[in-house]
Structure formats: structure tokens, C-alpha cells
Amino acid sequence: MLLTRLLKDKKVILASGSPRRHELLRGLGIEFTIDTENSFREEYPPELHHTKIPQYLAIGKSHGFHRPLSENEILITADTMVLCGNDIMGKPKSRTEAMAMLKALQENRHTVLTGVCIRSAAKERAFTCSSTVWFGKLTNEEIEYYIDNYKPYDKAGSYGVQEWIGYVAIKGIEGSYFNVMGLPVQRLYTELKRFVAY
């Protein structure tokens, strides 16, 4: 059965301010509202394995939602992390930090992990999706051009795969392209169907 039919009596809420996630969820053809009011502090235990961090944060965001869920509501939260070697790359706080991140990514491969939590008043399901990305060589001038023109300060790893840098630098992706954008929509579609049907 189509997911839109399964959700006909449900109200889906996306608790994310990311324009990329809004666009990707709209691509599934389902109706949803956006509500980002949240009390969760994006912190995690230092001993937590890096591969578990995005899912931990997605669950935290879900439970930090500002109000209890009604019986017919489904809340979706997500967190994306870029992992280059053992270095966790979050959102850059400055131009210098963005430069350093992109210099580390160029001529290298990295992993993009997105944790997703689906929750209703009665149950909860969380999962992590992983993609590997290969970057080609970038000059300092190209890195500076990207940062100055696209200002990737709201993006983990200092880049958006759908932007100029994705066209000129990404040599290959193993796994979901949309996961690299910030939301693994194929997996989310499958998990939502299971969540509602069972």
C-alpha cells in the first residue's frame, strides 16, 4: 500500500529547520508540518562510539520535543555527521574552520552518517544510514570560492553535496546520495511504512 494511504489519518511532524530535509521529505509525496521547538541540548557521552552518535542525537531531539504527541501524530527527527578518519566534523563555526575541514576532505574519503528517529505516542523506531563519499583534489582558491559564495556554516563537514562543490569535487558515492544531503529518504519511506502498518 502507498505510504500516503497509510498516513491518511496521521499528522506527520518534521522537527528540523534544515531546508534540505524539508525538500527531501516533500519528495516522498507526504503531507507534513515543521515544528522545531525543542529543549534538547545536542551533547553526547564522550565514551559513545562515533557511529552511534547521530542516532543518539536524533533520539534526543525526539524526546526533547516541546510537547507530548497526540495519538495520531508521528514525529521525525534526524542528525547528520561527517566522519573523516576518526575526526568528527560538525558545522563549522568560522571561515577558518570550514577551510580546515574541506582541506581534510579533499583527495580523501569520508563517511556521512544520518541518524533518524520516528516516534508516536505509542512507539518509537530509530536507525542509522551510512554513505561513503570520495572527494577529488581542490585548490585553496576553489575552497575559498565555495566558502565565500555558498557559506556552508549550517552544514556538517562544511559542504552541501547538491551545491557547486558536489559538482566539481565529488568523485563517487557509495550508498544513498540523499543521505549525504541530510535525510536517507528511501530508508525513511520503508521504515515509515513498517511503523504505520505494524
N, C-alpha and C. Protein backbone atom coordinates (compact mmCIF):
# COMPACT_ATOMS: atom_id res chain seq x y z
N MET A 1 0.84 -1.20 0.00
CA MET A 1 0.00 0.00 0.00
C MET A 1 0.88 1.25 0.00
N LEU A 2 0.44 2.27 -0.71
CA LEU A 2 1.17 3.53 -0.73
C LEU A 2 1.26 4.15 0.66
N LEU A 3 2.40 4.75 0.93
CA LEU A 3 2.59 5.39 2.23
C LEU A 3 1.57 6.50 2.46
N THR A 4 1.22 7.23 1.39
CA THR A 4 0.24 8.31 1.55
C THR A 4 -1.10 7.79 2.06
N ARG A 5 -1.47 6.59 1.63
CA ARG A 5 -2.72 6.00 2.12
C ARG A 5 -2.59 5.56 3.58
N LEU A 6 -1.44 4.99 3.91
CA LEU A 6 -1.22 4.55 5.29
C LEU A 6 -1.24 5.73 6.26
N LEU A 7 -0.84 6.90 5.75
CA LEU A 7 -0.74 8.08 6.62
C LEU A 7 -1.97 8.97 6.58
N LYS A 8 -3.04 8.54 5.93
CA LYS A 8 -4.19 9.44 5.69
C LYS A 8 -4.83 9.94 6.98
N ASP A 9 -4.74 9.18 8.07
CA ASP A 9 -5.31 9.62 9.33
C ASP A 9 -4.24 10.09 10.32
N LYS A 10 -3.02 10.28 9.81
CA LYS A 10 -1.91 10.66 10.68
C LYS A 10 -1.45 12.09 10.36
N LYS A 11 -0.84 12.70 11.34
CA LYS A 11 -0.24 14.02 11.16
C LYS A 11 1.27 13.86 11.35
N VAL A 12 2.03 14.05 10.27
CA VAL A 12 3.48 13.89 10.32
C VAL A 12 4.12 15.25 10.65
N ILE A 13 5.05 15.23 11.60
CA ILE A 13 5.76 16.44 12.00
C ILE A 13 7.25 16.22 11.78
N LEU A 14 7.89 17.13 11.06
CA LEU A 14 9.34 17.10 10.89
C LEU A 14 9.94 18.14 11.83
N ALA A 15 10.73 17.67 12.79
CA ALA A 15 11.34 18.59 13.76
C ALA A 15 12.75 18.94 13.30
N SER A 16 12.82 19.69 12.21
CA SER A 16 14.11 20.09 11.66
C SER A 16 13.96 21.42 10.94
N GLY A 17 14.95 22.28 11.11
CA GLY A 17 14.95 23.55 10.39
C GLY A 17 15.71 23.49 9.08
N SER A 18 16.24 22.32 8.72
CA SER A 18 17.06 22.19 7.52
C SER A 18 16.23 22.27 6.24
N PRO A 19 16.52 23.24 5.37
CA PRO A 19 15.80 23.31 4.08
C PRO A 19 15.99 22.06 3.23
N ARG A 20 17.17 21.42 3.35
CA ARG A 20 17.39 20.19 2.58
C ARG A 20 16.46 19.08 3.05
N ARG A 21 16.30 18.95 4.35
CA ARG A 21 15.39 17.90 4.86
C ARG A 21 13.94 18.20 4.48
N HIS A 22 13.56 19.47 4.49
CA HIS A 22 12.20 19.83 4.06
C HIS A 22 11.98 19.39 2.61
N GLU A 23 12.95 19.70 1.77
CA GLU A 23 12.86 19.36 0.35
C GLU A 23 12.80 17.85 0.14
N LEU A 24 13.63 17.12 0.85
CA LEU A 24 13.69 15.66 0.68
C LEU A 24 12.42 14.99 1.16
N LEU A 25 11.88 15.43 2.30
CA LEU A 25 10.65 14.82 2.79
C LEU A 25 9.47 15.13 1.87
N ARG A 26 9.45 16.35 1.32
CA ARG A 26 8.41 16.69 0.34
C ARG A 26 8.48 15.76 -0.87
N GLY A 27 9.70 15.33 -1.22
CA GLY A 27 9.88 14.44 -2.36
C GLY A 27 9.21 13.09 -2.21
N LEU A 28 8.89 12.71 -0.97
CA LEU A 28 8.18 11.44 -0.75
C LEU A 28 6.68 11.56 -1.01
N GLY A 29 6.22 12.79 -1.23
CA GLY A 29 4.81 12.99 -1.56
C GLY A 29 3.86 12.91 -0.38
N ILE A 30 4.40 13.07 0.83
CA ILE A 30 3.54 13.02 2.01
C ILE A 30 3.37 14.43 2.59
N GLU A 31 2.25 14.66 3.23
CA GLU A 31 2.00 15.95 3.86
C GLU A 31 2.63 15.97 5.25
N PHE A 32 3.21 17.09 5.61
CA PHE A 32 3.82 17.20 6.94
C PHE A 32 3.88 18.67 7.34
N THR A 33 4.06 18.88 8.63
CA THR A 33 4.27 20.22 9.17
C THR A 33 5.68 20.26 9.77
N ILE A 34 6.17 21.48 9.97
CA ILE A 34 7.50 21.66 10.55
C ILE A 34 7.35 22.32 11.92
N ASP A 35 7.98 21.73 12.91
CA ASP A 35 7.95 22.28 14.26
C ASP A 35 9.32 22.03 14.89
N THR A 36 10.07 23.07 15.10
CA THR A 36 11.46 22.93 15.57
C THR A 36 11.66 23.27 17.04
N GLU A 37 10.57 23.57 17.76
CA GLU A 37 10.71 23.95 19.17
C GLU A 37 11.18 22.73 19.97
N ASN A 38 12.31 22.88 20.66
CA ASN A 38 12.94 21.73 21.28
C ASN A 38 13.80 22.16 22.46
N SER A 39 13.87 21.31 23.48
CA SER A 39 14.67 21.62 24.66
C SER A 39 15.96 20.80 24.73
N PHE A 40 16.19 19.95 23.73
CA PHE A 40 17.35 19.05 23.78
C PHE A 40 18.65 19.81 23.49
N ARG A 41 19.66 19.56 24.33
CA ARG A 41 20.99 20.11 24.09
C ARG A 41 21.78 19.05 23.32
N GLU A 42 22.33 19.45 22.19
CA GLU A 42 22.99 18.48 21.31
C GLU A 42 24.36 18.08 21.85
N GLU A 43 24.30 17.23 22.86
CA GLU A 43 25.51 16.69 23.50
C GLU A 43 25.39 15.18 23.59
N TYR A 44 26.52 14.52 23.68
CA TYR A 44 26.51 13.07 23.78
C TYR A 44 27.64 12.62 24.72
N PRO A 45 27.50 11.44 25.32
CA PRO A 45 28.54 10.95 26.23
C PRO A 45 29.86 10.78 25.50
N PRO A 46 30.99 11.19 26.09
CA PRO A 46 32.29 11.11 25.41
C PRO A 46 32.70 9.68 25.06
N GLU A 47 32.17 8.70 25.80
CA GLU A 47 32.54 7.31 25.52
C GLU A 47 31.69 6.67 24.42
N LEU A 48 30.68 7.39 23.93
CA LEU A 48 29.80 6.84 22.89
C LEU A 48 30.57 6.66 21.60
N HIS A 49 30.46 5.48 20.99
CA HIS A 49 31.16 5.21 19.73
C HIS A 49 30.66 6.16 18.65
N HIS A 50 31.59 6.67 17.82
CA HIS A 50 31.21 7.71 16.86
C HIS A 50 30.10 7.29 15.90
N THR A 51 30.03 5.99 15.58
CA THR A 51 28.98 5.55 14.66
C THR A 51 27.59 5.59 15.28
N LYS A 52 27.52 5.71 16.60
CA LYS A 52 26.22 5.73 17.30
C LYS A 52 25.75 7.14 17.64
N ILE A 53 26.62 8.13 17.40
CA ILE A 53 26.30 9.50 17.81
C ILE A 53 25.08 10.07 17.08
N PRO A 54 24.98 9.98 15.73
CA PRO A 54 23.83 10.58 15.06
C PRO A 54 22.48 10.02 15.52
N GLN A 55 22.42 8.71 15.72
CA GLN A 55 21.16 8.11 16.19
C GLN A 55 20.85 8.56 17.62
N TYR A 56 21.87 8.63 18.46
CA TYR A 56 21.69 9.11 19.83
C TYR A 56 21.11 10.53 19.84
N LEU A 57 21.67 11.39 18.98
CA LEU A 57 21.20 12.78 18.91
C LEU A 57 19.79 12.88 18.31
N ALA A 58 19.50 12.03 17.32
CA ALA A 58 18.15 12.05 16.73
C ALA A 58 17.11 11.64 17.77
N ILE A 59 17.43 10.63 18.58
CA ILE A 59 16.52 10.21 19.65
C ILE A 59 16.37 11.31 20.69
N GLY A 60 17.50 11.95 21.03
CA GLY A 60 17.46 13.06 21.99
C GLY A 60 16.58 14.21 21.51
N LYS A 61 16.71 14.55 20.23
CA LYS A 61 15.87 15.60 19.65
C LYS A 61 14.40 15.22 19.71
N SER A 62 14.11 13.93 19.49
CA SER A 62 12.72 13.47 19.52
C SER A 62 12.13 13.64 20.92
N HIS A 63 12.88 13.20 21.92
CA HIS A 63 12.37 13.29 23.30
C HIS A 63 12.46 14.70 23.87
N GLY A 64 13.22 15.58 23.20
CA GLY A 64 13.27 16.97 23.61
C GLY A 64 12.20 17.82 22.96
N PHE A 65 11.35 17.20 22.15
CA PHE A 65 10.25 17.94 21.51
C PHE A 65 9.41 18.61 22.58
N HIS A 66 8.92 19.80 22.29
CA HIS A 66 8.39 20.69 23.33
C HIS A 66 7.05 20.29 23.92
N ARG A 67 6.41 19.25 23.38
CA ARG A 67 5.10 18.85 23.92
C ARG A 67 4.87 17.36 23.68
N PRO A 68 3.94 16.77 24.45
CA PRO A 68 3.59 15.37 24.20
C PRO A 68 2.92 15.22 22.83
N LEU A 69 3.08 14.07 22.22
CA LEU A 69 2.46 13.81 20.93
C LEU A 69 1.03 13.33 21.10
N SER A 70 0.16 13.78 20.21
CA SER A 70 -1.21 13.28 20.19
C SER A 70 -1.23 11.89 19.57
N GLU A 71 -2.35 11.20 19.73
CA GLU A 71 -2.45 9.80 19.30
C GLU A 71 -2.22 9.63 17.80
N ASN A 72 -2.58 10.63 16.99
CA ASN A 72 -2.48 10.48 15.53
C ASN A 72 -1.22 11.12 14.94
N GLU A 73 -0.29 11.57 15.80
CA GLU A 73 0.90 12.28 15.32
C GLU A 73 2.12 11.35 15.21
N ILE A 74 2.93 11.63 14.20
CA ILE A 74 4.22 10.94 14.02
C ILE A 74 5.30 12.00 13.89
N LEU A 75 6.30 11.92 14.76
CA LEU A 75 7.38 12.90 14.79
C LEU A 75 8.64 12.30 14.16
N ILE A 76 9.27 13.06 13.27
CA ILE A 76 10.52 12.64 12.64
C ILE A 76 11.63 13.61 13.03
N THR A 77 12.73 13.06 13.57
CA THR A 77 13.90 13.86 13.89
C THR A 77 15.12 13.19 13.25
N ALA A 78 16.17 13.98 13.00
CA ALA A 78 17.36 13.44 12.35
C ALA A 78 18.59 14.23 12.74
N ASP A 79 19.75 13.59 12.61
CA ASP A 79 21.02 14.26 12.83
C ASP A 79 22.05 13.66 11.87
N THR A 80 22.81 14.52 11.21
CA THR A 80 23.82 14.07 10.24
C THR A 80 25.21 14.45 10.72
N MET A 81 26.15 13.52 10.55
CA MET A 81 27.52 13.71 10.98
C MET A 81 28.47 13.28 9.87
N VAL A 82 29.54 14.04 9.69
CA VAL A 82 30.60 13.68 8.75
C VAL A 82 31.78 13.15 9.54
N LEU A 83 32.26 11.98 9.15
CA LEU A 83 33.37 11.34 9.84
C LEU A 83 34.52 11.13 8.85
N CYS A 84 35.64 11.80 9.08
CA CYS A 84 36.81 11.69 8.22
C CYS A 84 37.92 11.06 9.04
N GLY A 85 38.22 9.78 8.78
CA GLY A 85 39.11 9.04 9.67
C GLY A 85 38.43 8.90 11.01
N ASN A 86 39.08 9.37 12.06
CA ASN A 86 38.46 9.38 13.39
C ASN A 86 38.00 10.77 13.80
N ASP A 87 38.03 11.72 12.86
CA ASP A 87 37.64 13.10 13.16
C ASP A 87 36.16 13.32 12.86
N ILE A 88 35.43 13.76 13.86
CA ILE A 88 34.01 14.09 13.69
C ILE A 88 33.92 15.54 13.23
N MET A 89 33.26 15.74 12.10
CA MET A 89 33.13 17.09 11.55
C MET A 89 31.68 17.55 11.67
N GLY A 90 31.47 18.53 12.53
CA GLY A 90 30.14 19.10 12.67
C GLY A 90 30.01 20.32 11.76
N LYS A 91 29.19 21.27 12.18
CA LYS A 91 29.02 22.50 11.41
C LYS A 91 30.16 23.46 11.75
N PRO A 92 30.80 24.04 10.75
CA PRO A 92 31.93 24.94 11.04
C PRO A 92 31.48 26.22 11.72
N LYS A 93 32.28 26.65 12.68
CA LYS A 93 31.94 27.86 13.42
C LYS A 93 32.57 29.12 12.82
N SER A 94 33.48 28.93 11.85
CA SER A 94 34.18 30.07 11.26
C SER A 94 34.66 29.71 9.87
N ARG A 95 35.09 30.73 9.13
CA ARG A 95 35.66 30.50 7.80
C ARG A 95 36.93 29.65 7.89
N THR A 96 37.74 29.92 8.91
CA THR A 96 38.97 29.16 9.11
C THR A 96 38.68 27.68 9.35
N GLU A 97 37.68 27.40 10.17
CA GLU A 97 37.30 26.02 10.46
C GLU A 97 36.74 25.33 9.21
N ALA A 98 35.95 26.06 8.43
CA ALA A 98 35.42 25.50 7.18
C ALA A 98 36.55 25.17 6.21
N MET A 99 37.54 26.06 6.12
CA MET A 99 38.70 25.82 5.27
C MET A 99 39.44 24.55 5.70
N ALA A 100 39.65 24.40 7.00
CA ALA A 100 40.39 23.25 7.52
C ALA A 100 39.64 21.95 7.22
N MET A 101 38.32 21.96 7.38
CA MET A 101 37.52 20.76 7.11
C MET A 101 37.62 20.35 5.64
N LEU A 102 37.44 21.32 4.75
CA LEU A 102 37.45 21.00 3.32
C LEU A 102 38.84 20.59 2.84
N LYS A 103 39.88 21.14 3.44
CA LYS A 103 41.23 20.71 3.10
C LYS A 103 41.45 19.25 3.52
N ALA A 104 40.86 18.87 4.66
CA ALA A 104 40.99 17.48 5.13
C ALA A 104 40.18 16.52 4.25
N LEU A 105 39.06 16.99 3.71
CA LEU A 105 38.20 16.13 2.90
C LEU A 105 38.75 15.92 1.49
N GLN A 106 39.42 16.93 0.94
CA GLN A 106 39.85 16.84 -0.46
C GLN A 106 40.91 15.75 -0.61
N GLU A 107 40.85 15.04 -1.75
CA GLU A 107 41.71 13.89 -2.04
C GLU A 107 41.63 12.83 -0.94
N ASN A 108 40.44 12.63 -0.42
CA ASN A 108 40.24 11.71 0.69
C ASN A 108 38.84 11.13 0.60
N ARG A 109 38.56 10.15 1.41
CA ARG A 109 37.20 9.64 1.51
C ARG A 109 36.70 9.86 2.93
N HIS A 110 35.41 10.01 3.06
CA HIS A 110 34.82 10.19 4.39
C HIS A 110 33.46 9.51 4.44
N THR A 111 32.94 9.39 5.62
CA THR A 111 31.64 8.74 5.84
C THR A 111 30.62 9.76 6.32
N VAL A 112 29.43 9.69 5.75
CA VAL A 112 28.32 10.52 6.22
C VAL A 112 27.31 9.61 6.90
N LEU A 113 27.04 9.89 8.15
CA LEU A 113 26.10 9.10 8.95
C LEU A 113 24.89 9.96 9.31
N THR A 114 23.71 9.45 9.04
CA THR A 114 22.49 10.15 9.46
C THR A 114 21.68 9.23 10.36
N GLY A 115 21.42 9.71 11.55
CA GLY A 115 20.53 9.01 12.47
C GLY A 115 19.14 9.59 12.35
N VAL A 116 18.14 8.72 12.35
CA VAL A 116 16.75 9.14 12.22
C VAL A 116 15.92 8.47 13.32
N CYS A 117 15.02 9.24 13.91
CA CYS A 117 14.08 8.69 14.90
C CYS A 117 12.65 8.98 14.45
N ILE A 118 11.83 7.94 14.42
CA ILE A 118 10.39 8.05 14.13
C ILE A 118 9.67 7.71 15.43
N ARG A 119 8.81 8.60 15.90
CA ARG A 119 8.15 8.36 17.19
C ARG A 119 6.69 8.79 17.15
N SER A 120 5.87 7.99 17.79
CA SER A 120 4.46 8.35 18.02
C SER A 120 4.24 8.33 19.52
N ALA A 121 3.01 8.54 19.94
CA ALA A 121 2.71 8.49 21.37
C ALA A 121 2.87 7.08 21.93
N ALA A 122 2.80 6.08 21.04
CA ALA A 122 2.80 4.68 21.49
C ALA A 122 4.11 3.94 21.26
N LYS A 123 4.90 4.35 20.27
CA LYS A 123 6.11 3.58 19.96
C LYS A 123 7.18 4.46 19.31
N GLU A 124 8.33 3.84 19.12
CA GLU A 124 9.49 4.58 18.61
C GLU A 124 10.37 3.63 17.80
N ARG A 125 10.97 4.17 16.72
CA ARG A 125 11.90 3.39 15.89
C ARG A 125 13.03 4.32 15.48
N ALA A 126 14.27 3.87 15.63
CA ALA A 126 15.42 4.67 15.24
C ALA A 126 16.38 3.83 14.41
N PHE A 127 17.09 4.48 13.50
CA PHE A 127 18.05 3.78 12.66
C PHE A 127 19.13 4.76 12.19
N THR A 128 20.22 4.21 11.68
CA THR A 128 21.32 5.00 11.12
C THR A 128 21.59 4.55 9.70
N CYS A 129 21.83 5.50 8.81
CA CYS A 129 22.18 5.22 7.42
C CYS A 129 23.58 5.78 7.16
N SER A 130 24.40 5.00 6.45
CA SER A 130 25.79 5.38 6.21
C SER A 130 26.09 5.45 4.71
N SER A 131 26.81 6.47 4.30
CA SER A 131 27.27 6.61 2.91
C SER A 131 28.75 6.99 2.92
N THR A 132 29.49 6.48 1.94
CA THR A 132 30.91 6.83 1.80
C THR A 132 31.06 7.78 0.61
N VAL A 133 31.82 8.85 0.80
CA VAL A 133 31.99 9.87 -0.23
C VAL A 133 33.48 10.04 -0.54
N TRP A 134 33.81 10.08 -1.83
CA TRP A 134 35.18 10.32 -2.27
C TRP A 134 35.29 11.72 -2.88
N PHE A 135 36.20 12.52 -2.35
CA PHE A 135 36.48 13.86 -2.86
C PHE A 135 37.73 13.83 -3.74
N GLY A 136 37.71 14.59 -4.81
CA GLY A 136 38.91 14.80 -5.61
C GLY A 136 39.73 15.95 -5.06
N LYS A 137 40.71 16.36 -5.82
CA LYS A 137 41.61 17.44 -5.39
C LYS A 137 40.92 18.80 -5.54
N LEU A 138 41.12 19.65 -4.56
CA LEU A 138 40.64 21.03 -4.59
C LEU A 138 41.79 21.97 -4.29
N THR A 139 41.89 23.05 -5.02
CA THR A 139 42.89 24.07 -4.70
C THR A 139 42.36 24.96 -3.58
N ASN A 140 43.26 25.69 -2.96
CA ASN A 140 42.84 26.65 -1.94
C ASN A 140 41.88 27.68 -2.52
N GLU A 141 42.14 28.10 -3.75
CA GLU A 141 41.28 29.09 -4.41
C GLU A 141 39.86 28.53 -4.58
N GLU A 142 39.76 27.26 -4.95
CA GLU A 142 38.44 26.64 -5.12
C GLU A 142 37.71 26.51 -3.79
N ILE A 143 38.43 26.13 -2.75
CA ILE A 143 37.82 26.01 -1.42
C ILE A 143 37.33 27.38 -0.95
N GLU A 144 38.15 28.40 -1.13
CA GLU A 144 37.76 29.76 -0.73
C GLU A 144 36.56 30.25 -1.53
N TYR A 145 36.54 29.96 -2.82
CA TYR A 145 35.41 30.34 -3.67
C TYR A 145 34.12 29.72 -3.15
N TYR A 146 34.18 28.42 -2.83
CA TYR A 146 32.98 27.73 -2.35
C TYR A 146 32.50 28.33 -1.02
N ILE A 147 33.41 28.50 -0.08
CA ILE A 147 33.01 29.02 1.23
C ILE A 147 32.44 30.43 1.12
N ASP A 148 33.09 31.28 0.33
CA ASP A 148 32.66 32.68 0.23
C ASP A 148 31.33 32.83 -0.52
N ASN A 149 31.07 31.94 -1.47
CA ASN A 149 29.84 32.07 -2.27
C ASN A 149 28.68 31.23 -1.74
N TYR A 150 28.96 30.15 -1.05
CA TYR A 150 27.89 29.25 -0.60
C TYR A 150 27.72 29.23 0.92
N LYS A 151 28.68 29.77 1.65
CA LYS A 151 28.60 29.93 3.10
C LYS A 151 28.03 28.68 3.79
N PRO A 152 28.79 27.59 3.80
CA PRO A 152 28.27 26.31 4.30
C PRO A 152 28.34 26.15 5.82
N TYR A 153 27.99 27.21 6.54
CA TYR A 153 28.13 27.18 8.00
C TYR A 153 27.01 26.41 8.71
N ASP A 154 25.98 26.03 7.96
CA ASP A 154 24.89 25.25 8.56
C ASP A 154 24.96 23.79 8.13
N LYS A 155 26.12 23.37 7.62
CA LYS A 155 26.25 22.01 7.07
C LYS A 155 27.38 21.25 7.75
N ALA A 156 27.10 20.04 8.17
CA ALA A 156 28.14 19.18 8.73
C ALA A 156 29.21 18.92 7.67
N GLY A 157 30.46 19.04 8.08
CA GLY A 157 31.56 18.83 7.14
C GLY A 157 31.83 20.01 6.23
N SER A 158 31.09 21.09 6.39
CA SER A 158 31.29 22.33 5.62
C SER A 158 30.94 22.23 4.15
N TYR A 159 30.08 21.30 3.78
CA TYR A 159 29.70 21.26 2.36
C TYR A 159 28.30 20.70 2.17
N GLY A 160 27.70 21.08 1.05
CA GLY A 160 26.42 20.53 0.62
C GLY A 160 26.63 19.79 -0.69
N VAL A 161 26.31 18.51 -0.73
CA VAL A 161 26.56 17.68 -1.91
C VAL A 161 25.81 18.21 -3.13
N GLN A 162 24.70 18.90 -2.92
CA GLN A 162 23.87 19.39 -4.02
C GLN A 162 24.34 20.73 -4.57
N GLU A 163 25.40 21.28 -3.96
CA GLU A 163 25.89 22.59 -4.37
C GLU A 163 27.10 22.46 -5.31
N TRP A 164 27.68 23.60 -5.68
CA TRP A 164 28.80 23.66 -6.62
C TRP A 164 29.91 22.66 -6.30
N ILE A 165 30.24 22.56 -5.04
CA ILE A 165 31.35 21.68 -4.65
C ILE A 165 31.05 20.22 -4.97
N GLY A 166 29.77 19.84 -4.89
CA GLY A 166 29.39 18.48 -5.25
C GLY A 166 29.61 18.18 -6.72
N TYR A 167 29.40 19.18 -7.55
CA TYR A 167 29.59 19.03 -8.99
C TYR A 167 31.06 18.89 -9.36
N VAL A 168 31.93 19.65 -8.68
CA VAL A 168 33.33 19.72 -9.12
C VAL A 168 34.27 18.82 -8.32
N ALA A 169 33.86 18.38 -7.14
CA ALA A 169 34.82 17.68 -6.28
C ALA A 169 34.47 16.23 -5.97
N ILE A 170 33.19 15.88 -5.99
CA ILE A 170 32.82 14.53 -5.55
C ILE A 170 33.01 13.53 -6.70
N LYS A 171 33.94 12.60 -6.47
CA LYS A 171 34.28 11.60 -7.49
C LYS A 171 33.34 10.40 -7.44
N GLY A 172 32.80 10.12 -6.26
CA GLY A 172 31.92 8.96 -6.15
C GLY A 172 31.25 8.90 -4.79
N ILE A 173 30.12 8.19 -4.76
CA ILE A 173 29.38 7.97 -3.51
C ILE A 173 28.97 6.51 -3.47
N GLU A 174 29.24 5.87 -2.35
CA GLU A 174 28.74 4.52 -2.12
C GLU A 174 27.65 4.61 -1.06
N GLY A 175 26.42 4.24 -1.43
CA GLY A 175 25.30 4.40 -0.52
C GLY A 175 24.36 5.48 -1.03
N SER A 176 23.50 5.96 -0.15
CA SER A 176 22.46 6.91 -0.53
C SER A 176 22.99 8.33 -0.73
N TYR A 177 22.76 8.89 -1.92
CA TYR A 177 23.09 10.29 -2.19
C TYR A 177 22.28 11.20 -1.27
N PHE A 178 21.00 10.87 -1.09
CA PHE A 178 20.12 11.72 -0.28
C PHE A 178 20.54 11.70 1.19
N ASN A 179 21.13 10.60 1.63
CA ASN A 179 21.68 10.56 2.98
C ASN A 179 22.78 11.60 3.15
N VAL A 180 23.60 11.79 2.10
CA VAL A 180 24.66 12.80 2.14
C VAL A 180 24.05 14.19 2.20
N MET A 181 22.89 14.37 1.59
CA MET A 181 22.17 15.65 1.67
C MET A 181 21.61 15.90 3.06
N GLY A 182 21.33 14.82 3.81
CA GLY A 182 20.85 15.00 5.18
C GLY A 182 19.67 14.17 5.60
N LEU A 183 19.09 13.38 4.67
CA LEU A 183 17.96 12.55 5.05
C LEU A 183 17.87 11.35 4.10
N PRO A 184 18.08 10.13 4.62
CA PRO A 184 18.03 8.94 3.76
C PRO A 184 16.59 8.56 3.44
N VAL A 185 16.02 9.22 2.46
CA VAL A 185 14.57 9.15 2.24
C VAL A 185 14.07 7.77 1.79
N GLN A 186 14.89 7.02 1.05
CA GLN A 186 14.42 5.67 0.66
C GLN A 186 14.24 4.80 1.90
N ARG A 187 15.24 4.82 2.79
CA ARG A 187 15.13 4.05 4.04
C ARG A 187 14.00 4.60 4.91
N LEU A 188 13.85 5.91 4.96
CA LEU A 188 12.79 6.52 5.75
C LEU A 188 11.42 6.10 5.24
N TYR A 189 11.25 6.07 3.92
CA TYR A 189 9.98 5.64 3.33
C TYR A 189 9.64 4.22 3.78
N THR A 190 10.62 3.32 3.69
CA THR A 190 10.42 1.92 4.09
C THR A 190 10.11 1.81 5.58
N GLU A 191 10.85 2.54 6.40
CA GLU A 191 10.64 2.47 7.84
C GLU A 191 9.30 3.08 8.26
N LEU A 192 8.88 4.14 7.59
CA LEU A 192 7.58 4.73 7.89
C LEU A 192 6.43 3.77 7.56
N LYS A 193 6.56 3.08 6.44
CA LYS A 193 5.53 2.09 6.07
C LYS A 193 5.42 1.01 7.15
N ARG A 194 6.56 0.51 7.60
CA ARG A 194 6.56 -0.51 8.66
C ARG A 194 6.00 0.05 9.97
N PHE A 195 6.40 1.28 10.26
CA PHE A 195 5.99 1.92 11.52
C PHE A 195 4.47 2.06 11.60
N VAL A 196 3.87 2.46 10.49
CA VAL A 196 2.42 2.70 10.47
C VAL A 196 1.63 1.39 10.32
N ALA A 197 2.18 0.47 9.54
CA ALA A 197 1.44 -0.77 9.22
C ALA A 197 1.42 -1.78 10.36
N TYR A 198 2.46 -1.75 11.21
CA TYR A 198 2.53 -2.78 12.25
C TYR A 198 2.55 -2.19 13.65
